[in-house]
Protein backbone atom coordinates (compact mmCIF):
# COMPACT_ATOMS: atom_id res chain seq x y z
CA MET A 1 181.67 100.91 -7.05
CA THR A 2 185.54 101.55 -6.44
CA THR A 3 186.83 103.80 -9.63
CA LYS A 4 190.47 101.32 -10.46
CA PHE A 5 193.58 104.08 -10.68
CA ASP A 6 195.23 104.63 -14.01
CA GLY A 7 198.67 106.34 -13.34
CA ASN A 8 199.37 106.21 -17.09
CA LEU A 9 195.96 108.18 -17.81
CA ALA A 10 197.07 109.98 -14.89
CA TRP A 11 200.39 110.96 -16.34
CA LYS A 12 199.07 111.67 -19.60
CA GLN A 13 196.42 114.50 -18.16
CA ALA A 14 198.64 115.93 -16.27
CA SER A 15 201.22 116.22 -19.15
CA SER A 16 198.39 117.48 -21.80
CA ALA A 17 197.55 120.19 -18.85
CA LEU A 18 200.95 121.26 -18.48
CA ALA A 19 201.28 121.88 -22.24
CA ALA A 20 198.52 123.29 -23.29
CA ASN A 21 199.14 126.14 -20.38
CA ARG A 22 203.04 126.15 -20.44
CA GLU A 23 203.35 130.28 -20.80
CA LEU A 24 200.89 130.87 -17.99
CA LEU A 25 201.93 128.21 -15.39
CA LEU A 26 205.80 129.05 -15.84
CA ALA A 27 204.86 132.42 -15.12
CA LEU A 28 202.79 131.29 -11.98
CA ALA A 29 205.68 128.99 -11.13
CA GLY A 30 208.06 131.45 -11.09
CA VAL A 31 206.08 133.94 -8.59
CA PHE A 32 204.66 131.27 -6.23
CA PHE A 33 207.35 128.59 -6.28
CA LEU A 34 210.86 129.79 -7.58
CA LEU A 35 211.09 133.28 -6.13
CA PRO A 36 210.66 132.36 -2.67
CA SER A 37 212.59 129.58 -2.44
CA LEU A 38 215.03 131.42 -4.37
CA ALA A 39 214.79 134.23 -2.00
CA PHE A 40 215.49 131.56 1.03
CA ALA A 41 218.45 130.40 -0.49
CA LEU A 42 220.28 133.58 -0.85
CA PHE A 43 219.29 135.26 1.99
CA LEU A 44 219.06 132.47 4.96
CA PRO A 45 221.32 130.36 4.18
CA GLN A 46 221.82 127.18 5.98
CA PRO A 47 224.74 127.56 8.32
CA GLU A 48 228.32 125.87 7.23
CA PRO A 49 229.40 123.05 9.74
CA THR A 50 232.22 124.54 11.82
CA PRO A 51 235.42 122.33 11.80
CA GLY A 52 235.72 119.87 14.57
CA ALA A 53 232.38 120.45 15.73
CA GLY A 54 230.60 117.46 16.98
CA PRO A 55 227.15 116.16 16.45
CA GLU A 56 225.73 118.03 19.90
CA GLN A 57 227.06 121.08 18.23
CA MET A 58 225.87 120.52 15.07
CA VAL A 59 222.45 119.83 16.01
CA ALA A 60 222.44 122.51 18.35
CA ALA A 61 223.51 124.93 15.78
CA MET A 62 220.64 123.78 13.14
CA GLN A 63 218.39 124.05 16.09
CA GLY A 64 219.43 127.55 16.35
CA TYR A 65 219.29 128.30 12.65
CA TYR A 66 215.86 126.64 12.26
CA LEU A 67 214.37 128.73 14.73
CA SER A 68 215.68 131.76 13.51
CA VAL A 69 214.30 131.89 9.88
CA PHE A 70 210.73 129.89 11.21
CA PRO A 71 209.17 133.30 10.27
CA TYR A 72 210.43 133.24 6.61
CA MET A 73 209.84 129.91 6.40
CA LEU A 74 206.08 130.25 7.72
CA GLY A 75 205.59 132.85 5.14
CA THR A 76 207.01 131.20 1.96
CA ALA A 77 204.99 128.19 3.43
CA LEU A 78 201.68 130.56 3.28
CA ILE A 79 202.69 131.64 -0.46
CA GLN A 80 203.63 128.07 -2.18
CA ALA A 81 200.21 127.06 0.06
CA THR A 82 198.54 129.82 -2.18
CA GLY A 83 199.86 129.24 -5.42
CA THR A 84 199.26 125.56 -4.58
CA LEU A 85 195.53 126.31 -4.69
CA ALA A 86 195.39 128.65 -7.31
CA VAL A 87 196.83 126.51 -9.76
CA LEU A 88 194.78 123.56 -8.94
CA THR A 89 192.14 126.07 -9.41
CA LEU A 90 192.64 126.91 -12.74
CA PHE A 91 193.73 123.16 -13.61
CA THR A 92 190.05 121.80 -12.79
CA ASP A 93 187.74 124.40 -11.98
CA ARG A 94 184.77 123.70 -13.94
CA THR A 95 183.62 127.23 -13.91
CA ARG A 96 186.48 128.01 -15.83
CA PRO A 97 188.35 131.11 -13.89
CA THR A 98 190.66 133.66 -14.55
CA VAL A 99 194.28 133.63 -13.23
CA GLY A 100 192.93 136.66 -11.21
CA GLN A 101 189.61 134.85 -10.18
CA ALA A 102 191.87 131.51 -9.17
CA ILE A 103 194.15 133.16 -6.92
CA LYS A 104 191.50 134.77 -4.76
CA LEU A 105 189.48 131.01 -4.95
CA GLY A 106 193.04 130.13 -3.52
CA LEU A 107 193.32 132.74 -1.09
CA GLY A 108 189.59 131.45 -0.06
CA GLY A 109 190.47 128.11 0.60
CA LEU A 110 193.93 128.93 2.05
CA LEU A 111 192.56 128.73 5.84
CA SER A 112 190.94 125.49 5.50
CA TYR A 113 193.88 123.92 3.68
CA LEU A 114 196.24 124.88 6.35
CA ALA A 115 193.79 124.08 9.26
CA ALA A 116 193.66 120.50 7.90
CA GLN A 117 197.64 120.51 7.45
CA LEU A 118 197.43 121.22 11.19
CA LEU A 119 194.75 118.71 12.21
CA LEU A 120 196.57 116.26 10.39
CA GLY A 121 200.31 117.24 11.96
CA ILE A 122 198.85 117.53 15.68
CA GLY A 123 197.09 113.97 15.13
CA LEU A 124 200.42 111.89 13.76
CA GLY A 125 202.47 113.87 16.50
CA VAL A 126 200.42 113.13 19.75
CA VAL A 127 199.73 109.40 18.09
CA GLY A 128 203.71 108.85 17.31
CA SER A 129 204.53 110.34 21.05
CA LEU A 130 202.08 107.88 22.76
CA VAL A 131 203.18 105.13 20.66
CA LEU A 132 206.99 105.68 21.37
CA GLY A 133 206.31 106.51 24.66
CA LEU A 134 204.67 103.22 25.48
CA GLY A 135 207.57 101.64 23.93
CA ALA A 136 210.34 103.32 25.87
CA LEU A 137 208.40 102.10 29.00
CA THR A 138 209.08 98.88 28.33
CA GLY A 139 212.91 99.24 27.85
CA SER A 140 213.27 97.42 24.39
CA GLN A 141 215.34 99.21 22.38
CA VAL A 142 214.43 96.55 19.44
CA LEU A 143 211.21 97.29 19.96
CA VAL A 144 211.60 101.05 19.85
CA GLY A 145 213.18 101.11 16.65
CA LEU A 146 210.30 98.80 15.19
CA LEU A 147 207.96 100.89 16.76
CA ILE A 148 210.17 103.72 14.80
CA VAL A 149 209.94 101.74 11.35
CA ALA A 150 206.15 101.48 12.07
CA LEU A 151 205.13 105.00 12.38
CA LEU A 152 207.52 105.97 9.12
CA VAL A 153 205.08 103.60 7.67
CA GLY A 154 201.91 104.40 9.07
CA VAL A 155 202.96 108.88 8.32
CA LEU A 156 203.50 107.33 4.38
CA TYR A 157 200.03 105.94 4.53
CA VAL A 158 198.37 108.77 5.86
CA ALA A 159 199.89 111.37 3.37
CA VAL A 160 198.68 109.35 0.45
CA LYS A 161 195.59 108.86 1.92
CA THR A 162 195.23 112.62 2.42
CA SER A 163 197.05 113.93 -0.83
CA LEU A 164 193.70 115.19 -2.28
CA VAL A 165 192.80 117.81 0.65
CA ALA A 166 194.17 120.01 -1.71
CA PRO A 167 192.29 119.53 -4.70
CA ILE A 168 189.62 119.08 -2.58
CA VAL A 169 189.45 122.53 -0.75
CA ALA A 170 190.19 123.71 -4.30
CA VAL A 171 188.04 122.32 -6.66
CA GLU A 172 185.10 121.03 -4.54
CA ARG A 173 184.92 124.11 -2.22
CA GLU A 174 185.49 122.23 0.58
CA ARG A 175 185.85 124.39 3.59
CA ASN A 176 185.43 122.34 6.42
CA PRO A 177 189.01 120.96 7.01
CA VAL A 178 187.92 117.59 8.85
CA SER A 179 185.66 117.29 6.36
CA ALA A 180 187.96 117.95 3.28
CA LEU A 181 190.76 115.35 5.16
CA ARG A 182 187.68 112.48 4.92
CA ARG A 183 186.73 112.94 1.32
CA SER A 184 190.70 112.34 0.80
CA TRP A 185 190.62 109.28 2.78
CA ARG A 186 187.43 108.06 0.93
CA LEU A 187 188.37 108.62 -2.77
CA THR A 188 191.53 107.01 -2.26
CA ARG A 189 190.17 103.73 -0.97
CA GLY A 190 190.93 100.70 -2.81
CA ASN A 191 193.71 102.55 -4.62
CA SER A 192 196.10 103.71 -1.92
CA VAL A 193 198.91 101.47 -3.21
CA ARG A 194 198.56 102.24 -6.95
CA VAL A 195 198.57 106.05 -5.79
CA ALA A 196 201.42 105.41 -3.79
CA LEU A 197 203.40 103.81 -6.39
CA PHE A 198 202.59 106.56 -8.64
CA TYR A 199 203.91 109.22 -6.33
CA LEU A 200 207.34 107.58 -5.81
CA LEU A 201 207.69 107.27 -9.65
CA PHE A 202 207.72 110.82 -9.80
CA LEU A 203 209.64 111.55 -7.33
CA VAL A 204 212.22 109.31 -8.00
CA ALA A 205 212.13 110.48 -11.81
CA PHE A 206 212.51 114.06 -10.60
CA GLY A 207 214.54 113.20 -7.70
CA LEU A 208 216.98 111.84 -10.46
CA ILE A 209 216.79 114.64 -12.62
CA PHE A 210 217.17 117.06 -9.72
CA ILE A 211 220.74 115.07 -8.93
CA VAL A 212 221.95 115.05 -12.43
CA ALA A 213 220.91 119.13 -13.00
CA MET A 214 222.77 119.88 -9.88
CA ALA A 215 226.14 117.72 -10.65
CA LEU A 216 226.15 119.03 -14.26
CA VAL A 217 225.82 122.54 -12.82
CA GLY A 218 228.24 121.76 -10.13
CA ILE A 219 231.11 120.72 -12.84
CA VAL A 220 230.63 123.90 -15.33
CA LEU A 221 230.79 126.19 -12.35
CA ALA A 222 234.01 124.30 -11.10
CA LEU A 223 235.48 125.73 -14.72
CA VAL A 224 233.69 128.80 -15.00
CA ALA A 225 232.65 130.91 -11.88
CA SER A 226 233.65 130.22 -8.10
CA GLY A 227 233.05 132.03 -4.81
CA SER A 228 229.31 134.44 -4.69
CA THR A 229 228.97 133.80 -8.61
CA ALA A 230 228.91 130.42 -8.17
CA THR A 231 226.29 130.01 -5.11
CA THR A 232 223.59 132.17 -6.72
CA ILE A 233 223.58 130.30 -10.08
CA ALA A 234 223.55 126.65 -8.09
CA ALA A 235 220.41 128.50 -5.94
CA VAL A 236 218.80 129.84 -8.87
CA VAL A 237 218.75 126.53 -10.74
CA SER A 238 217.79 124.29 -7.62
CA SER A 239 214.92 126.74 -7.46
CA ALA A 240 213.98 126.61 -10.35
CA VAL A 241 214.06 122.82 -10.78
CA GLY A 242 212.01 122.71 -7.69
CA ALA A 243 209.81 125.25 -9.13
CA VAL A 244 209.00 123.08 -12.06
CA MET A 245 208.95 119.77 -10.04
CA THR A 246 206.13 121.64 -7.75
CA VAL A 247 204.02 122.17 -10.92
CA TYR A 248 204.62 118.67 -12.58
CA PHE A 249 203.39 117.31 -8.81
CA VAL A 250 200.22 119.70 -8.71
CA ALA A 251 199.33 118.52 -12.48
CA ILE A 252 199.41 115.15 -10.76
CA LEU A 253 197.33 115.67 -7.87
CA ALA A 254 194.31 117.54 -9.99
CA ALA A 255 194.58 114.49 -12.63
CA VAL A 256 194.40 112.08 -9.89
CA HIS A 257 191.57 113.99 -8.02
CA ARG A 258 189.87 114.19 -11.54
CA GLN A 259 189.95 110.47 -12.35
CA LEU A 260 188.94 109.48 -8.69
CA ALA A 261 186.44 112.04 -7.91
CA GLY A 262 184.47 111.92 -11.02
CA PRO A 263 183.89 112.81 -14.58
CA SER A 264 184.69 114.87 -17.20
CA ALA A 265 188.72 114.12 -17.98
CA GLU A 266 188.79 116.71 -20.45
CA ARG A 267 188.61 119.81 -18.32
CA VAL A 268 192.08 118.76 -16.75
CA SER A 269 193.64 119.28 -19.59
CA ALA A 270 191.94 122.08 -21.54
CA PRO A 271 193.74 125.57 -21.87
CA PHE A 272 193.48 128.17 -19.20
CA GLU A 273 191.72 131.76 -20.25
């Protein structure tokens, strides 16, 4: 029998877990999420648009930028993926691991998690290329446009269906990436729309908070600071809000997985050791 997903319960469980472990989570968020994104923003900022540059020149400039920083982006992604798995382990593992053990377990599941994401990306890329290629053969711009919209909807659907891969790897210790993808697909069966709406509400809420926070910071900085100081402060605030959002989302993933995977809602809100 399919469990009916309760977004209100998942939010309460996630909030309870965060409140019970605030200090430790702040430290972990600082190490795994805030510092990498802040370093990236300060030392590898995106290039400023050249005055008078056309669309092709701007695209070429951005392509060159991303190619040059790709190794650093990969390193940042690895650090944040490890942090995500470690925090998920602390949230939900029934063996109540210490922080150090959780980090080790996160590292142990890193390759499996990355392999699952890589397989997913390759699969979506191949399907998207085939669909758009066939659409282009028809010569109909309208059909191609409709296919692009359909592909975007499909990508979002697949993202929701496979969103529990991280907790499956971290908590269930599933090391087969294909099995992890299948398990996530099965767990979300019958609840895809509810889970998607829950994620959407969270992203919209935090997106608005981020916009308001950065707008207020921009107003204050315009009055009291300028130049590199203003840029640094804005980067710190942006990275801090992003880190908090990431930790909240990890807590939500833990709560969603706990609710759909099985019993014991108490563990998700229990303090860490």
